Amino acid sequence: MRTSFNIPDEVVEEFDAVWQEQDLESRSRAVREAMLEYIEAHSRLDATTGEVVALIGFDYRHHDVIRELHGIQHDYQEVILNTSHTHQGEWCLESLFCRGPAERVRDLTYRLRDFDGVRRVKVMVIQQE
């Protein structure tokens, strides 16, 4: 199947540099691999049940979304144990250390991904009880 995407030029340039450095045969092959990794990561998160200890890391443009992000963190304060924040130029990096029902941690992760000003959200489940 052929398809098209709207992706910023700088992201495509970085992506091309990485797959070419890895000696993959084509951009299409690299995109397929990236999509499979995405599916695997999200399927694993969706399948997690019970109580978990997890780290959620994300980067964002501070001025674009800070009020909304604080509101979400207050909505999930029963699972957020601790936060850490650092500035990296116009971007901020935040980490949330969480403990609680997998469903709440998953919902928090998906809420963070809904923001245009948030670039990436990564979750690492450290322990499943």
Protein backbone atom coordinates (compact mmCIF):
# COMPACT_ATOMS: atom_id res chain seq x y z
CA MET A 1 0.00 0.00 0.00
CA ARG A 2 1.22 3.50 -0.75
CA THR A 3 0.50 6.34 1.65
CA SER A 4 1.77 9.81 2.49
CA PHE A 5 2.49 11.67 5.73
CA ASN A 6 3.03 15.26 6.76
CA ILE A 7 6.32 15.20 8.67
CA PRO A 8 8.58 18.18 9.43
CA ASP A 9 11.65 18.26 7.17
CA GLU A 10 14.08 18.11 10.08
CA VAL A 11 12.48 14.88 11.36
CA VAL A 12 12.71 13.28 7.91
CA GLU A 13 16.35 14.35 7.62
CA GLU A 14 17.21 12.81 11.01
CA PHE A 15 15.26 9.66 10.19
CA ASP A 16 17.02 9.28 6.83
CA ALA A 17 20.43 9.74 8.45
CA VAL A 18 19.70 7.01 11.01
CA TRP A 19 18.36 4.35 8.65
CA GLN A 20 21.14 5.00 6.14
CA GLU A 21 23.75 4.75 8.89
CA GLN A 22 22.24 1.37 9.82
CA ASP A 23 22.58 0.20 6.20
CA LEU A 24 18.89 -0.58 5.78
CA GLU A 25 17.82 -1.11 2.20
CA SER A 26 15.28 1.74 2.02
CA ARG A 27 13.27 4.36 3.84
CA SER A 28 10.20 2.12 3.39
CA ARG A 29 11.93 -0.69 5.27
CA ALA A 30 12.90 1.71 8.07
CA VAL A 31 9.33 3.04 8.32
CA ARG A 32 7.95 -0.52 8.51
CA GLU A 33 10.36 -1.35 11.34
CA ALA A 34 9.49 1.86 13.19
CA MET A 35 5.77 1.14 12.83
CA LEU A 36 6.20 -2.41 14.15
CA GLU A 37 8.12 -1.11 17.16
CA TYR A 38 5.37 1.43 17.78
CA ILE A 39 2.70 -1.27 17.62
CA GLU A 40 4.67 -3.52 19.96
CA ALA A 41 5.26 -0.77 22.52
CA HIS A 42 1.61 0.28 22.58
CA SER A 43 0.29 -3.27 22.65
CA ARG A 44 2.50 -4.04 25.64
CA LEU A 45 1.26 -0.95 27.48
CA ASP A 46 -2.36 -1.80 26.67
CA ALA A 47 -1.90 -5.37 27.92
CA THR A 48 -0.38 -4.37 31.27
CA THR A 49 -2.68 -4.96 34.23
CA GLY A 50 -2.53 -4.75 38.00
CA GLU A 51 -0.42 -2.41 40.07
CA VAL A 52 2.69 -1.01 38.40
CA VAL A 53 5.67 1.17 39.16
CA ALA A 54 6.53 3.18 36.06
CA LEU A 55 8.53 6.09 34.76
CA ILE A 56 6.93 8.40 32.20
CA GLY A 57 9.31 10.76 30.45
CA PHE A 58 8.28 13.46 28.01
CA ASP A 59 9.57 16.63 26.40
CA TYR A 60 7.56 19.70 25.55
CA ARG A 61 7.62 23.38 24.75
CA HIS A 62 7.06 24.98 28.14
CA HIS A 63 5.12 28.06 27.04
CA ASP A 64 2.74 26.05 24.82
CA VAL A 65 1.29 23.62 27.33
CA ILE A 66 2.46 24.23 30.91
CA ARG A 67 -0.95 25.12 32.39
CA GLU A 68 -2.66 22.12 30.81
CA LEU A 69 0.15 19.77 31.85
CA HIS A 70 -0.08 20.91 35.45
CA GLY A 71 -3.83 20.35 35.33
CA ILE A 72 -3.36 16.78 34.10
CA GLN A 73 -0.74 16.08 36.75
CA HIS A 74 -3.20 17.22 39.41
CA ASP A 75 -5.85 14.92 37.91
CA TYR A 76 -3.47 11.95 38.37
CA GLN A 77 -1.83 12.90 41.66
CA GLU A 78 -2.91 9.61 43.25
CA VAL A 79 -0.47 7.73 40.97
CA ILE A 80 2.30 10.33 40.53
CA LEU A 81 4.82 9.90 43.34
CA ASN A 82 7.44 12.37 42.19
CA THR A 83 8.31 14.63 39.27
CA SER A 84 11.57 15.93 37.89
CA HIS A 85 11.94 18.83 35.49
CA THR A 86 14.85 20.27 33.53
CA HIS A 87 15.20 22.95 30.87
CA GLN A 88 16.86 22.24 27.53
CA GLY A 89 16.65 25.49 25.58
CA GLU A 90 13.09 26.08 24.43
CA TRP A 91 12.22 22.50 25.38
CA CYS A 92 11.62 21.05 28.83
CA LEU A 93 12.15 17.46 29.90
CA GLU A 94 9.87 16.06 32.58
CA SER A 95 9.80 12.71 34.31
CA LEU A 96 6.94 11.34 36.38
CA PHE A 97 7.56 8.48 38.77
CA CYS A 98 4.29 6.61 39.18
CA ARG A 99 2.79 3.80 41.24
CA GLY A 100 -0.76 2.59 40.92
CA PRO A 101 -3.21 0.76 38.72
CA ALA A 102 -1.85 0.13 35.22
CA GLU A 103 -5.05 1.57 33.76
CA ARG A 104 -4.47 4.97 35.46
CA VAL A 105 -0.81 5.09 34.40
CA ARG A 106 -1.83 4.17 30.84
CA ASP A 107 -4.56 6.86 30.81
CA LEU A 108 -2.06 9.45 32.06
CA THR A 109 0.37 8.46 29.30
CA TYR A 110 -2.28 8.81 26.60
CA ARG A 111 -3.46 12.17 27.97
CA LEU A 112 0.11 13.49 27.76
CA ARG A 113 0.38 12.31 24.15
CA ASP A 114 -2.69 14.36 23.20
CA PHE A 115 -0.83 17.68 23.39
CA ASP A 116 0.58 19.27 20.23
CA GLY A 117 3.28 20.93 22.35
CA VAL A 118 4.47 17.57 23.70
CA ARG A 119 7.01 16.03 21.34
CA ARG A 120 7.58 12.55 22.75
CA VAL A 121 6.23 10.46 25.62
CA LYS A 122 8.08 7.33 26.71
CA VAL A 123 6.94 4.86 29.37
CA MET A 124 9.05 2.32 31.18
CA VAL A 125 7.18 -0.11 33.42
CA ILE A 126 9.72 -0.87 36.13
CA GLN A 127 7.70 -3.30 38.20
CA GLN A 128 4.42 -5.07 37.88
CA GLU A 129 2.88 -6.30 41.12
